[in-house]
Amino acid sequence: MTEEVTTAEKLGPFARLGLFYRQIVSELRKVVWPTRNQLTTYTAVVLVFVSFVIVVVSIFDLVLTKIVFWVFG
């Protein structure tokens, strides 16, 4: 690790930028991308969960609003 740091420090700005780009591409090759089916399933789960949270927060807000109007007139 220290060799990489010292080697990177000795490189010029464009060489460091190139090294950075190569490292990004190398890391992206390791990513396991979801299939279309998995992506559709994950998207549906997220949308259902977000809708549920919206409903819960809306009900909570409605109840608190009624309480505040009842207390403060």
PDB file of N, CA and C in Angstrom:
ATOM      1  N   MET A   1       0.833  -1.192   0.000  1.00  0.00           N
ATOM      2  CA  MET A   1       0.000   0.000   0.000  1.00  0.00           C
ATOM      3  C   MET A   1       0.874   1.251   0.000  1.00  0.00           C
ATOM      4  N   THR A   2       1.942   1.266   0.785  1.00  0.00           N
ATOM      5  CA  THR A   2       2.789   2.445   0.842  1.00  0.00           C
ATOM      6  C   THR A   2       3.536   2.639  -0.469  1.00  0.00           C
ATOM      7  N   GLU A   3       3.837   1.524  -1.166  1.00  0.00           N
ATOM      8  CA  GLU A   3       4.494   1.650  -2.470  1.00  0.00           C
ATOM      9  C   GLU A   3       3.574   2.341  -3.460  1.00  0.00           C
ATOM     10  N   GLU A   4       2.275   1.997  -3.417  1.00  0.00           N
ATOM     11  CA  GLU A   4       1.313   2.634  -4.313  1.00  0.00           C
ATOM     12  C   GLU A   4       1.242   4.118  -4.041  1.00  0.00           C
ATOM     13  N   VAL A   5       1.207   4.480  -2.769  1.00  0.00           N
ATOM     14  CA  VAL A   5       1.109   5.888  -2.398  1.00  0.00           C
ATOM     15  C   VAL A   5       2.347   6.641  -2.863  1.00  0.00           C
ATOM     16  N   THR A   6       3.510   6.100  -2.604  1.00  0.00           N
ATOM     17  CA  THR A   6       4.725   6.808  -3.010  1.00  0.00           C
ATOM     18  C   THR A   6       4.852   6.841  -4.529  1.00  0.00           C
ATOM     19  N   THR A   7       4.428   5.772  -5.220  1.00  0.00           N
ATOM     20  CA  THR A   7       4.471   5.772  -6.682  1.00  0.00           C
ATOM     21  C   THR A   7       3.481   6.788  -7.233  1.00  0.00           C
ATOM     22  N   ALA A   8       2.295   6.845  -6.654  1.00  0.00           N
ATOM     23  CA  ALA A   8       1.281   7.787  -7.119  1.00  0.00           C
ATOM     24  C   ALA A   8       1.726   9.228  -6.863  1.00  0.00           C
ATOM     25  N   GLU A   9       2.438   9.458  -5.766  1.00  0.00           N
ATOM     26  CA  GLU A   9       2.908  10.807  -5.464  1.00  0.00           C
ATOM     27  C   GLU A   9       3.970  11.255  -6.455  1.00  0.00           C
ATOM     28  N   LYS A  10       4.736  10.321  -7.003  1.00  0.00           N
ATOM     29  CA  LYS A  10       5.797  10.674  -7.940  1.00  0.00           C
ATOM     30  C   LYS A  10       5.243  10.950  -9.336  1.00  0.00           C
ATOM     31  N   LEU A  11       4.034  10.467  -9.632  1.00  0.00           N
ATOM     32  CA  LEU A  11       3.453  10.652 -10.954  1.00  0.00           C
ATOM     33  C   LEU A  11       2.955  12.084 -11.124  1.00  0.00           C
ATOM     34  N   GLY A  12       2.852  12.505 -12.367  1.00  0.00           N
ATOM     35  CA  GLY A  12       2.306  13.824 -12.652  1.00  0.00           C
ATOM     36  C   GLY A  12       0.796  13.810 -12.525  1.00  0.00           C
ATOM     37  N   PRO A  13       0.180  14.980 -12.668  1.00  0.00           N
ATOM     38  CA  PRO A  13      -1.271  15.065 -12.473  1.00  0.00           C
ATOM     39  C   PRO A  13      -2.062  14.244 -13.502  1.00  0.00           C
ATOM     40  N   PHE A  14      -1.622  14.214 -14.767  1.00  0.00           N
ATOM     41  CA  PHE A  14      -2.351  13.452 -15.778  1.00  0.00           C
ATOM     42  C   PHE A  14      -2.164  11.952 -15.580  1.00  0.00           C
ATOM     43  N   ALA A  15      -0.996  11.537 -15.137  1.00  0.00           N
ATOM     44  CA  ALA A  15      -0.748  10.124 -14.861  1.00  0.00           C
ATOM     45  C   ALA A  15      -1.583   9.668 -13.663  1.00  0.00           C
ATOM     46  N   ARG A  16      -1.706  10.524 -12.650  1.00  0.00           N
ATOM     47  CA  ARG A  16      -2.537  10.184 -11.496  1.00  0.00           C
ATOM     48  C   ARG A  16      -4.002  10.078 -11.904  1.00  0.00           C
ATOM     49  N   LEU A  17      -4.442  10.982 -12.794  1.00  0.00           N
ATOM     50  CA  LEU A  17      -5.819  10.936 -13.288  1.00  0.00           C
ATOM     51  C   LEU A  17      -6.056   9.642 -14.065  1.00  0.00           C
ATOM     52  N   GLY A  18      -5.095   9.248 -14.886  1.00  0.00           N
ATOM     53  CA  GLY A  18      -5.202   7.993 -15.625  1.00  0.00           C
ATOM     54  C   GLY A  18      -5.252   6.795 -14.697  1.00  0.00           C
ATOM     55  N   LEU A  19      -4.418   6.808 -13.659  1.00  0.00           N
ATOM     56  CA  LEU A  19      -4.413   5.730 -12.672  1.00  0.00           C
ATOM     57  C   LEU A  19      -5.756   5.656 -11.963  1.00  0.00           C
ATOM     58  N   PHE A  20      -6.283   6.803 -11.602  1.00  0.00           N
ATOM     59  CA  PHE A  20      -7.588   6.866 -10.933  1.00  0.00           C
ATOM     60  C   PHE A  20      -8.671   6.266 -11.833  1.00  0.00           C
ATOM     61  N   TYR A  21      -8.663   6.631 -13.107  1.00  0.00           N
ATOM     62  CA  TYR A  21      -9.644   6.116 -14.062  1.00  0.00           C
ATOM     63  C   TYR A  21      -9.511   4.595 -14.206  1.00  0.00           C
ATOM     64  N   ARG A  22      -8.289   4.095 -14.314  1.00  0.00           N
ATOM     65  CA  ARG A  22      -8.076   2.646 -14.436  1.00  0.00           C
ATOM     66  C   ARG A  22      -8.569   1.911 -13.184  1.00  0.00           C
ATOM     67  N   GLN A  23      -8.359   2.500 -12.019  1.00  0.00           N
ATOM     68  CA  GLN A  23      -8.827   1.876 -10.785  1.00  0.00           C
ATOM     69  C   GLN A  23     -10.356   1.839 -10.736  1.00  0.00           C
ATOM     70  N   ILE A  24     -11.000   2.893 -11.217  1.00  0.00           N
ATOM     71  CA  ILE A  24     -12.463   2.920 -11.248  1.00  0.00           C
ATOM     72  C   ILE A  24     -12.986   1.818 -12.164  1.00  0.00           C
ATOM     73  N   VAL A  25     -12.435   1.721 -13.361  1.00  0.00           N
ATOM     74  CA  VAL A  25     -12.862   0.692 -14.311  1.00  0.00           C
ATOM     75  C   VAL A  25     -12.623  -0.697 -13.728  1.00  0.00           C
ATOM     76  N   SER A  26     -11.493  -0.895 -13.061  1.00  0.00           N
ATOM     77  CA  SER A  26     -11.185  -2.181 -12.449  1.00  0.00           C
ATOM     78  C   SER A  26     -12.213  -2.544 -11.377  1.00  0.00           C
ATOM     79  N   GLU A  27     -12.603  -1.586 -10.567  1.00  0.00           N
ATOM     80  CA  GLU A  27     -13.595  -1.843  -9.520  1.00  0.00           C
ATOM     81  C   GLU A  27     -14.970  -2.111 -10.124  1.00  0.00           C
ATOM     82  N   LEU A  28     -15.333  -1.389 -11.182  1.00  0.00           N
ATOM     83  CA  LEU A  28     -16.644  -1.598 -11.796  1.00  0.00           C
ATOM     84  C   LEU A  28     -16.749  -2.974 -12.447  1.00  0.00           C
ATOM     85  N   ARG A  29     -15.646  -3.552 -12.872  1.00  0.00           N
ATOM     86  CA  ARG A  29     -15.671  -4.899 -13.438  1.00  0.00           C
ATOM     87  C   ARG A  29     -15.997  -5.943 -12.371  1.00  0.00           C
ATOM     88  N   LYS A  30     -15.735  -5.631 -11.105  1.00  0.00           N
ATOM     89  CA  LYS A  30     -16.003  -6.561 -10.012  1.00  0.00           C
ATOM     90  C   LYS A  30     -17.472  -6.542  -9.576  1.00  0.00           C
ATOM     91  N   VAL A  31     -18.209  -5.526  -9.983  1.00  0.00           N
ATOM     92  CA  VAL A  31     -19.595  -5.368  -9.540  1.00  0.00           C
ATOM     93  C   VAL A  31     -20.463  -6.461 -10.166  1.00  0.00           C
ATOM     94  N   VAL A  32     -21.318  -7.046  -9.338  1.00  0.00           N
ATOM     95  CA  VAL A  32     -22.292  -8.014  -9.844  1.00  0.00           C
ATOM     96  C   VAL A  32     -23.577  -7.236 -10.116  1.00  0.00           C
ATOM     97  N   TRP A  33     -23.883  -7.017 -11.391  1.00  0.00           N
ATOM     98  CA  TRP A  33     -25.035  -6.215 -11.768  1.00  0.00           C
ATOM     99  C   TRP A  33     -26.301  -7.071 -11.699  1.00  0.00           C
ATOM    100  N   PRO A  34     -27.421  -6.506 -11.241  1.00  0.00           N
ATOM    101  CA  PRO A  34     -28.659  -7.286 -11.150  1.00  0.00           C
ATOM    102  C   PRO A  34     -29.245  -7.556 -12.536  1.00  0.00           C
ATOM    103  N   THR A  35     -29.978  -8.658 -12.642  1.00  0.00           N
ATOM    104  CA  THR A  35     -30.669  -8.962 -13.894  1.00  0.00           C
ATOM    105  C   THR A  35     -31.899  -8.063 -13.997  1.00  0.00           C
ATOM    106  N   ARG A  36     -32.520  -8.073 -15.156  1.00  0.00           N
ATOM    107  CA  ARG A  36     -33.720  -7.254 -15.359  1.00  0.00           C
ATOM    108  C   ARG A  36     -34.821  -7.682 -14.388  1.00  0.00           C
ATOM    109  N   ASN A  37     -34.947  -8.981 -14.168  1.00  0.00           N
ATOM    110  CA  ASN A  37     -35.961  -9.500 -13.242  1.00  0.00           C
ATOM    111  C   ASN A  37     -35.715  -9.010 -11.814  1.00  0.00           C
ATOM    112  N   GLN A  38     -34.467  -9.104 -11.374  1.00  0.00           N
ATOM    113  CA  GLN A  38     -34.120  -8.643 -10.028  1.00  0.00           C
ATOM    114  C   GLN A  38     -34.361  -7.143  -9.891  1.00  0.00           C
ATOM    115  N   LEU A  39     -33.987  -6.403 -10.912  1.00  0.00           N
ATOM    116  CA  LEU A  39     -34.157  -4.950 -10.874  1.00  0.00           C
ATOM    117  C   LEU A  39     -35.632  -4.572 -10.775  1.00  0.00           C
ATOM    118  N   THR A  40     -36.476  -5.275 -11.535  1.00  0.00           N
ATOM    119  CA  THR A  40     -37.919  -5.020 -11.474  1.00  0.00           C
ATOM    120  C   THR A  40     -38.460  -5.339 -10.088  1.00  0.00           C
ATOM    121  N   THR A  41     -38.022  -6.455  -9.526  1.00  0.00           N
ATOM    122  CA  THR A  41     -38.472  -6.844  -8.196  1.00  0.00           C
ATOM    123  C   THR A  41     -38.019  -5.829  -7.148  1.00  0.00           C
ATOM    124  N   TYR A  42     -36.765  -5.451  -7.188  1.00  0.00           N
ATOM    125  CA  TYR A  42     -36.245  -4.482  -6.212  1.00  0.00           C
ATOM    126  C   TYR A  42     -36.969  -3.141  -6.328  1.00  0.00           C
ATOM    127  N   THR A  43     -37.232  -2.711  -7.544  1.00  0.00           N
ATOM    128  CA  THR A  43     -37.934  -1.434  -7.754  1.00  0.00           C
ATOM    129  C   THR A  43     -39.340  -1.509  -7.183  1.00  0.00           C
ATOM    130  N   ALA A  44     -40.036  -2.612  -7.422  1.00  0.00           N
ATOM    131  CA  ALA A  44     -41.393  -2.767  -6.895  1.00  0.00           C
ATOM    132  C   ALA A  44     -41.391  -2.767  -5.371  1.00  0.00           C
ATOM    133  N   VAL A  45     -40.434  -3.462  -4.773  1.00  0.00           N
ATOM    134  CA  VAL A  45     -40.344  -3.502  -3.305  1.00  0.00           C
ATOM    135  C   VAL A  45     -40.106  -2.101  -2.748  1.00  0.00           C
ATOM    136  N   VAL A  46     -39.226  -1.354  -3.364  1.00  0.00           N
ATOM    137  CA  VAL A  46     -38.933   0.002  -2.890  1.00  0.00           C
ATOM    138  C   VAL A  46     -40.162   0.888  -3.020  1.00  0.00           C
ATOM    139  N   LEU A  47     -40.864   0.809  -4.145  1.00  0.00           N
ATOM    140  CA  LEU A  47     -42.060   1.645  -4.339  1.00  0.00           C
ATOM    141  C   LEU A  47     -43.159   1.301  -3.333  1.00  0.00           C
ATOM    142  N   VAL A  48     -43.352   0.007  -3.069  1.00  0.00           N
ATOM    143  CA  VAL A  48     -44.359  -0.400  -2.078  1.00  0.00           C
ATOM    144  C   VAL A  48     -43.963   0.098  -0.691  1.00  0.00           C
ATOM    145  N   PHE A  49     -42.707  -0.056  -0.327  1.00  0.00           N
ATOM    146  CA  PHE A  49     -42.251   0.390   0.989  1.00  0.00           C
ATOM    147  C   PHE A  49     -42.386   1.905   1.145  1.00  0.00           C
ATOM    148  N   VAL A  50     -41.992   2.646   0.127  1.00  0.00           N
ATOM    149  CA  VAL A  50     -42.090   4.108   0.193  1.00  0.00           C
ATOM    150  C   VAL A  50     -43.559   4.532   0.302  1.00  0.00           C
ATOM    151  N   SER A  51     -44.431   3.874  -0.447  1.00  0.00           N
ATOM    152  CA  SER A  51     -45.868   4.183  -0.358  1.00  0.00           C
ATOM    153  C   SER A  51     -46.387   3.917   1.047  1.00  0.00           C
ATOM    154  N   PHE A  52     -45.974   2.800   1.628  1.00  0.00           N
ATOM    155  CA  PHE A  52     -46.390   2.477   2.995  1.00  0.00           C
ATOM    156  C   PHE A  52     -45.927   3.545   3.984  1.00  0.00           C
ATOM    157  N   VAL A  53     -44.679   3.954   3.872  1.00  0.00           N
ATOM    158  CA  VAL A  53     -44.145   4.976   4.784  1.00  0.00           C
ATOM    159  C   VAL A  53     -44.887   6.301   4.593  1.00  0.00           C
ATOM    160  N   ILE A  54     -45.217   6.644   3.354  1.00  0.00           N
ATOM    161  CA  ILE A  54     -45.971   7.874   3.095  1.00  0.00           C
ATOM    162  C   ILE A  54     -47.326   7.826   3.790  1.00  0.00           C
ATOM    163  N   VAL A  55     -48.007   6.679   3.711  1.00  0.00           N
ATOM    164  CA  VAL A  55     -49.316   6.532   4.355  1.00  0.00           C
ATOM    165  C   VAL A  55     -49.181   6.654   5.869  1.00  0.00           C
ATOM    166  N   VAL A  56     -48.188   5.989   6.452  1.00  0.00           N
ATOM    167  CA  VAL A  56     -48.002   6.034   7.905  1.00  0.00           C
ATOM    168  C   VAL A  56     -47.689   7.460   8.363  1.00  0.00           C
ATOM    169  N   VAL A  57     -46.805   8.138   7.672  1.00  0.00           N
ATOM    170  CA  VAL A  57     -46.447   9.509   8.061  1.00  0.00           C
ATOM    171  C   VAL A  57     -47.632  10.449   7.871  1.00  0.00           C
ATOM    172  N   SER A  58     -48.413  10.254   6.822  1.00  0.00           N
ATOM    173  CA  SER A  58     -49.593  11.098   6.588  1.00  0.00           C
ATOM    174  C   SER A  58     -50.622  10.929   7.700  1.00  0.00           C
ATOM    175  N   ILE A  59     -50.873   9.689   8.104  1.00  0.00           N
ATOM    176  CA  ILE A  59     -51.815   9.438   9.203  1.00  0.00           C
ATOM    177  C   ILE A  59     -51.303  10.053  10.492  1.00  0.00           C
ATOM    178  N   PHE A  60     -50.015   9.875  10.766  1.00  0.00           N
ATOM    179  CA  PHE A  60     -49.408  10.467  11.964  1.00  0.00           C
ATOM    180  C   PHE A  60     -49.546  11.993  11.940  1.00  0.00           C
ATOM    181  N   ASP A  61     -49.309  12.596  10.789  1.00  0.00           N
ATOM    182  CA  ASP A  61     -49.431  14.051  10.647  1.00  0.00           C
ATOM    183  C   ASP A  61     -50.877  14.496  10.859  1.00  0.00           C
ATOM    184  N   LEU A  62     -51.821  13.754  10.302  1.00  0.00           N
ATOM    185  CA  LEU A  62     -53.232  14.096  10.455  1.00  0.00           C
ATOM    186  C   LEU A  62     -53.646  14.039  11.924  1.00  0.00           C
ATOM    187  N   VAL A  63     -53.222  12.999  12.628  1.00  0.00           N
ATOM    188  CA  VAL A  63     -53.561  12.861  14.045  1.00  0.00           C
ATOM    189  C   VAL A  63     -52.940  14.000  14.853  1.00  0.00           C
ATOM    190  N   LEU A  64     -51.664  14.292  14.605  1.00  0.00           N
ATOM    191  CA  LEU A  64     -51.023  15.394  15.346  1.00  0.00           C
ATOM    192  C   LEU A  64     -51.678  16.740  15.032  1.00  0.00           C
ATOM    193  N   THR A  65     -52.084  16.937  13.800  1.00  0.00           N
ATOM    194  CA  THR A  65     -52.758  18.196  13.429  1.00  0.00           C
ATOM    195  C   THR A  65     -54.070  18.333  14.183  1.00  0.00           C
ATOM    196  N   LYS A  66     -54.847  17.256  14.245  1.00  0.00           N
ATOM    197  CA  LYS A  66     -56.124  17.282  14.974  1.00  0.00           C
ATOM    198  C   LYS A  66     -55.886  17.577  16.456  1.00  0.00           C
ATOM    199  N   ILE A  67     -54.853  16.955  17.032  1.00  0.00           N
ATOM    200  CA  ILE A  67     -54.547  17.185  18.452  1.00  0.00           C
ATOM    201  C   ILE A  67     -54.148  18.636  18.683  1.00  0.00           C
ATOM    202  N   VAL A  68     -53.302  19.190  17.830  1.00  0.00           N
ATOM    203  CA  VAL A  68     -52.852  20.575  17.995  1.00  0.00           C
ATOM    204  C   VAL A  68     -54.020  21.535  17.860  1.00  0.00           C
ATOM    205  N   PHE A  69     -54.911  21.328  16.886  1.00  0.00           N
ATOM    206  CA  PHE A  69     -56.060  22.205  16.726  1.00  0.00           C
ATOM    207  C   PHE A  69     -57.029  22.059  17.899  1.00  0.00           C
ATOM    208  N   TRP A  70     -57.136  20.861  18.459  1.00  0.00           N
ATOM    209  CA  TRP A  70     -58.013  20.653  19.605  1.00  0.00           C
ATOM    210  C   TRP A  70     -57.458  21.359  20.839  1.00  0.00           C
ATOM    211  N   VAL A  71     -56.115  21.285  21.043  1.00  0.00           N
ATOM    212  CA  VAL A  71     -55.495  21.888  22.226  1.00  0.00           C
ATOM    213  C   VAL A  71     -55.475  23.415  22.113  1.00  0.00           C
ATOM    214  N   PHE A  72     -55.075  23.942  20.949  1.00  0.00           N
ATOM    215  CA  PHE A  72     -54.893  25.390  20.799  1.00  0.00           C
ATOM    216  C   PHE A  72     -56.065  26.074  20.129  1.00  0.00           C
ATOM    217  N   GLY A  73     -57.087  25.358  19.810  1.00  0.00           N
ATOM    218  CA  GLY A  73     -58.317  25.931  19.267  1.00  0.00           C
ATOM    219  C   GLY A  73     -58.183  26.350  17.881  1.00  0.00           C
TER     220      GLY A  73
END
